[in-house]
Amino acid sequence: MSEEAVKSSPLRLAWDQLGNRVVMAALASATLGLAPFYPHAHIWKQLVNLSRGTLTAPMDVFDLVMHGAPWVALIAATFQLFNRASVLAAAQKRAP
């Protein structure tokens, strides 16, 4: 594949438009979403409590929402990136 084709690939164009959003969401997920890191990620503890049905305290629910928000943002940003790439790919196929 030529260098020009790579520069105009739909995913590359979508990354140029939305890449900062994905990077910031990934950074937030790696820091705020996993903190505290020792002995295990806090979000993991909250998800285990949720699956066991022991997530009843309002503070625990608040913790789950606050530590889960960066992960939701990362999923949404990644979805937007690939959605934009598919729209750009369809537009390139229609263009002569």
N, C-alpha and C. Protein backbone atom coordinates (compact mmCIF):
# COMPACT_ATOMS: atom_id res chain seq x y z
N MET A 1 0.85 -1.17 0.00
CA MET A 1 0.00 0.00 0.00
C MET A 1 0.89 1.23 0.00
N SER A 2 0.55 2.18 -0.81
CA SER A 2 1.38 3.38 -0.92
C SER A 2 1.17 4.29 0.29
N GLU A 3 2.12 5.17 0.49
CA GLU A 3 2.05 6.09 1.63
C GLU A 3 0.86 7.03 1.50
N GLU A 4 0.53 7.42 0.29
CA GLU A 4 -0.62 8.29 0.06
C GLU A 4 -1.92 7.59 0.42
N ALA A 5 -2.01 6.32 0.12
CA ALA A 5 -3.22 5.55 0.46
C ALA A 5 -3.38 5.41 1.97
N VAL A 6 -2.26 5.25 2.66
CA VAL A 6 -2.32 5.14 4.12
C VAL A 6 -2.78 6.45 4.73
N LYS A 7 -2.28 7.58 4.22
CA LYS A 7 -2.65 8.88 4.76
C LYS A 7 -4.13 9.18 4.56
N SER A 8 -4.73 8.63 3.50
CA SER A 8 -6.13 8.91 3.24
C SER A 8 -7.04 7.75 3.62
N SER A 9 -6.52 6.79 4.39
CA SER A 9 -7.38 5.68 4.81
C SER A 9 -8.44 6.22 5.77
N PRO A 10 -9.62 5.62 5.75
CA PRO A 10 -10.71 6.12 6.60
C PRO A 10 -10.38 6.12 8.08
N LEU A 11 -9.69 5.07 8.54
CA LEU A 11 -9.35 5.02 9.96
C LEU A 11 -8.35 6.11 10.32
N ARG A 12 -7.40 6.37 9.43
CA ARG A 12 -6.42 7.44 9.68
C ARG A 12 -7.11 8.81 9.72
N LEU A 13 -8.04 9.04 8.79
CA LEU A 13 -8.75 10.31 8.79
C LEU A 13 -9.61 10.46 10.04
N ALA A 14 -10.25 9.37 10.46
CA ALA A 14 -11.07 9.41 11.67
C ALA A 14 -10.18 9.65 12.89
N TRP A 15 -8.98 9.02 12.90
CA TRP A 15 -8.06 9.21 14.02
C TRP A 15 -7.61 10.67 14.10
N ASP A 16 -7.37 11.28 12.95
CA ASP A 16 -6.97 12.68 12.93
C ASP A 16 -8.05 13.57 13.53
N GLN A 17 -9.32 13.18 13.37
CA GLN A 17 -10.43 13.97 13.88
C GLN A 17 -10.72 13.67 15.35
N LEU A 18 -10.65 12.40 15.74
CA LEU A 18 -11.10 12.00 17.07
C LEU A 18 -10.02 11.36 17.94
N GLY A 19 -8.79 11.35 17.47
CA GLY A 19 -7.72 10.68 18.20
C GLY A 19 -7.48 11.24 19.60
N ASN A 20 -7.54 12.56 19.73
CA ASN A 20 -7.30 13.17 21.05
C ASN A 20 -8.34 12.71 22.07
N ARG A 21 -9.58 12.57 21.62
CA ARG A 21 -10.64 12.13 22.51
C ARG A 21 -10.39 10.71 23.02
N VAL A 22 -9.93 9.84 22.13
CA VAL A 22 -9.66 8.45 22.51
C VAL A 22 -8.46 8.38 23.45
N VAL A 23 -7.43 9.15 23.15
CA VAL A 23 -6.23 9.15 24.00
C VAL A 23 -6.56 9.67 25.39
N MET A 24 -7.31 10.75 25.48
CA MET A 24 -7.67 11.30 26.80
C MET A 24 -8.55 10.32 27.58
N ALA A 25 -9.47 9.65 26.91
CA ALA A 25 -10.32 8.67 27.59
C ALA A 25 -9.49 7.47 28.05
N ALA A 26 -8.52 7.06 27.25
CA ALA A 26 -7.65 5.95 27.65
C ALA A 26 -6.78 6.33 28.84
N LEU A 27 -6.29 7.56 28.84
CA LEU A 27 -5.48 8.04 29.96
C LEU A 27 -6.32 8.12 31.24
N ALA A 28 -7.54 8.63 31.12
CA ALA A 28 -8.42 8.70 32.29
C ALA A 28 -8.76 7.31 32.79
N SER A 29 -8.97 6.37 31.89
CA SER A 29 -9.29 5.00 32.30
C SER A 29 -8.12 4.34 33.01
N ALA A 30 -6.92 4.60 32.51
CA ALA A 30 -5.73 3.99 33.11
C ALA A 30 -5.39 4.59 34.47
N THR A 31 -5.77 5.83 34.69
CA THR A 31 -5.43 6.46 35.97
C THR A 31 -6.64 6.49 36.91
N LEU A 32 -7.63 7.29 36.58
CA LEU A 32 -8.79 7.43 37.46
C LEU A 32 -9.64 6.17 37.51
N GLY A 33 -9.74 5.48 36.39
CA GLY A 33 -10.58 4.29 36.33
C GLY A 33 -10.03 3.11 37.09
N LEU A 34 -8.72 3.05 37.28
CA LEU A 34 -8.11 1.93 37.98
C LEU A 34 -7.64 2.26 39.39
N ALA A 35 -7.56 3.53 39.75
CA ALA A 35 -7.02 3.93 41.05
C ALA A 35 -7.93 3.46 42.18
N PRO A 36 -7.46 3.14 43.33
CA PRO A 36 -6.08 2.84 43.70
C PRO A 36 -5.65 1.50 43.11
N PHE A 37 -4.36 1.37 42.82
CA PHE A 37 -3.86 0.21 42.10
C PHE A 37 -3.53 -0.97 43.00
N TYR A 38 -3.28 -0.72 44.28
CA TYR A 38 -2.83 -1.79 45.17
C TYR A 38 -3.87 -2.03 46.24
N PRO A 39 -4.27 -3.17 46.60
CA PRO A 39 -3.85 -4.49 46.14
C PRO A 39 -4.51 -4.89 44.82
N HIS A 40 -5.61 -4.24 44.46
CA HIS A 40 -6.23 -4.47 43.15
C HIS A 40 -7.02 -3.21 42.81
N ALA A 41 -7.40 -3.10 41.56
CA ALA A 41 -8.11 -1.90 41.12
C ALA A 41 -9.44 -1.77 41.85
N HIS A 42 -9.77 -0.56 42.25
CA HIS A 42 -10.98 -0.30 43.01
C HIS A 42 -12.23 -0.63 42.20
N ILE A 43 -12.18 -0.37 40.90
CA ILE A 43 -13.33 -0.66 40.05
C ILE A 43 -13.61 -2.16 40.05
N TRP A 44 -12.56 -2.97 40.13
CA TRP A 44 -12.75 -4.42 40.16
C TRP A 44 -13.51 -4.83 41.42
N LYS A 45 -13.14 -4.24 42.56
CA LYS A 45 -13.82 -4.54 43.82
C LYS A 45 -15.30 -4.16 43.73
N GLN A 46 -15.58 -3.01 43.12
CA GLN A 46 -16.97 -2.57 43.00
C GLN A 46 -17.76 -3.48 42.06
N LEU A 47 -17.13 -3.94 40.98
CA LEU A 47 -17.82 -4.85 40.06
C LEU A 47 -18.08 -6.21 40.70
N VAL A 48 -17.15 -6.68 41.52
CA VAL A 48 -17.36 -7.94 42.24
C VAL A 48 -18.50 -7.77 43.24
N ASN A 49 -18.53 -6.66 43.95
CA ASN A 49 -19.63 -6.40 44.89
C ASN A 49 -20.96 -6.31 44.16
N LEU A 50 -20.96 -5.71 42.98
CA LEU A 50 -22.18 -5.61 42.19
C LEU A 50 -22.67 -6.99 41.76
N SER A 51 -21.74 -7.84 41.32
CA SER A 51 -22.13 -9.18 40.88
C SER A 51 -22.62 -10.05 42.03
N ARG A 52 -22.10 -9.81 43.24
CA ARG A 52 -22.54 -10.57 44.41
C ARG A 52 -23.82 -10.01 45.04
N GLY A 53 -24.19 -8.82 44.65
CA GLY A 53 -25.37 -8.18 45.22
C GLY A 53 -25.11 -7.49 46.54
N THR A 54 -23.85 -7.22 46.84
CA THR A 54 -23.50 -6.56 48.11
C THR A 54 -23.17 -5.08 47.93
N LEU A 55 -23.45 -4.54 46.78
CA LEU A 55 -23.18 -3.12 46.52
C LEU A 55 -24.42 -2.33 46.95
N THR A 56 -24.52 -2.07 48.24
CA THR A 56 -25.73 -1.44 48.78
C THR A 56 -25.49 -0.06 49.35
N ALA A 57 -24.29 0.21 49.83
CA ALA A 57 -24.01 1.51 50.43
C ALA A 57 -23.98 2.59 49.35
N PRO A 58 -24.58 3.75 49.63
CA PRO A 58 -24.57 4.83 48.64
C PRO A 58 -23.15 5.24 48.21
N MET A 59 -22.21 5.20 49.13
CA MET A 59 -20.83 5.57 48.79
C MET A 59 -20.23 4.56 47.80
N ASP A 60 -20.56 3.30 47.95
CA ASP A 60 -20.06 2.28 47.03
C ASP A 60 -20.64 2.46 45.63
N VAL A 61 -21.92 2.81 45.56
CA VAL A 61 -22.56 3.07 44.26
C VAL A 61 -21.90 4.29 43.62
N PHE A 62 -21.65 5.33 44.41
CA PHE A 62 -20.98 6.53 43.91
C PHE A 62 -19.58 6.19 43.40
N ASP A 63 -18.85 5.35 44.16
CA ASP A 63 -17.52 4.91 43.72
C ASP A 63 -17.59 4.17 42.39
N LEU A 64 -18.57 3.29 42.25
CA LEU A 64 -18.72 2.55 40.99
C LEU A 64 -18.96 3.50 39.82
N VAL A 65 -19.82 4.48 40.03
CA VAL A 65 -20.11 5.44 38.96
C VAL A 65 -18.86 6.27 38.63
N MET A 66 -18.15 6.74 39.64
CA MET A 66 -17.00 7.60 39.41
C MET A 66 -15.82 6.84 38.78
N HIS A 67 -15.60 5.60 39.22
CA HIS A 67 -14.49 4.83 38.64
C HIS A 67 -14.89 4.19 37.32
N GLY A 68 -16.18 4.06 37.06
CA GLY A 68 -16.64 3.48 35.81
C GLY A 68 -16.81 4.50 34.69
N ALA A 69 -16.97 5.76 35.03
CA ALA A 69 -17.19 6.80 34.02
C ALA A 69 -16.07 6.90 32.98
N PRO A 70 -14.79 6.84 33.36
CA PRO A 70 -13.75 6.88 32.33
C PRO A 70 -13.82 5.69 31.36
N TRP A 71 -14.23 4.53 31.86
CA TRP A 71 -14.35 3.36 30.99
C TRP A 71 -15.51 3.53 30.01
N VAL A 72 -16.59 4.11 30.48
CA VAL A 72 -17.73 4.38 29.59
C VAL A 72 -17.31 5.40 28.53
N ALA A 73 -16.55 6.41 28.94
CA ALA A 73 -16.07 7.42 27.98
C ALA A 73 -15.12 6.79 26.95
N LEU A 74 -14.28 5.86 27.38
CA LEU A 74 -13.37 5.18 26.45
C LEU A 74 -14.13 4.34 25.44
N ILE A 75 -15.13 3.62 25.91
CA ILE A 75 -15.95 2.80 25.00
C ILE A 75 -16.68 3.70 24.01
N ALA A 76 -17.25 4.80 24.49
CA ALA A 76 -17.97 5.72 23.61
C ALA A 76 -17.04 6.37 22.59
N ALA A 77 -15.86 6.79 23.01
CA ALA A 77 -14.91 7.43 22.10
C ALA A 77 -14.41 6.44 21.04
N THR A 78 -14.16 5.20 21.45
CA THR A 78 -13.73 4.19 20.50
C THR A 78 -14.83 3.88 19.50
N PHE A 79 -16.06 3.79 19.98
CA PHE A 79 -17.20 3.56 19.09
C PHE A 79 -17.33 4.71 18.09
N GLN A 80 -17.20 5.94 18.56
CA GLN A 80 -17.27 7.10 17.66
C GLN A 80 -16.17 7.06 16.61
N LEU A 81 -14.97 6.66 17.02
CA LEU A 81 -13.85 6.58 16.09
C LEU A 81 -14.14 5.59 14.97
N PHE A 82 -14.58 4.40 15.32
CA PHE A 82 -14.84 3.39 14.29
C PHE A 82 -16.09 3.71 13.49
N ASN A 83 -17.06 4.35 14.11
CA ASN A 83 -18.24 4.77 13.37
C ASN A 83 -17.87 5.83 12.34
N ARG A 84 -17.05 6.80 12.73
CA ARG A 84 -16.61 7.84 11.80
C ARG A 84 -15.80 7.22 10.67
N ALA A 85 -14.95 6.24 10.99
CA ALA A 85 -14.15 5.58 9.95
C ALA A 85 -15.04 4.85 8.96
N SER A 86 -16.10 4.21 9.44
CA SER A 86 -17.00 3.50 8.52
C SER A 86 -17.78 4.48 7.64
N VAL A 87 -18.16 5.62 8.20
CA VAL A 87 -18.85 6.64 7.41
C VAL A 87 -17.91 7.20 6.34
N LEU A 88 -16.66 7.45 6.71
CA LEU A 88 -15.69 7.96 5.74
C LEU A 88 -15.38 6.91 4.66
N ALA A 89 -15.33 5.64 5.05
CA ALA A 89 -15.08 4.58 4.07
C ALA A 89 -16.23 4.49 3.07
N ALA A 90 -17.46 4.61 3.56
CA ALA A 90 -18.62 4.57 2.66
C ALA A 90 -18.61 5.78 1.73
N ALA A 91 -18.21 6.94 2.25
CA ALA A 91 -18.14 8.15 1.41
C ALA A 91 -17.06 8.01 0.35
N GLN A 92 -15.93 7.38 0.70
CA GLN A 92 -14.86 7.18 -0.29
C GLN A 92 -15.28 6.21 -1.38
N LYS A 93 -16.07 5.21 -1.03
CA LYS A 93 -16.53 4.25 -2.04
C LYS A 93 -17.52 4.90 -3.01
N ARG A 94 -18.32 5.83 -2.52
CA ARG A 94 -19.29 6.52 -3.38
C ARG A 94 -18.63 7.55 -4.29
N ALA A 95 -17.54 8.13 -3.82
CA ALA A 95 -16.86 9.18 -4.58
C ALA A 95 -16.18 8.57 -5.81
N PRO A 96 -16.21 9.27 -6.93
CA PRO A 96 -15.57 8.74 -8.15
C PRO A 96 -14.06 8.77 -8.07
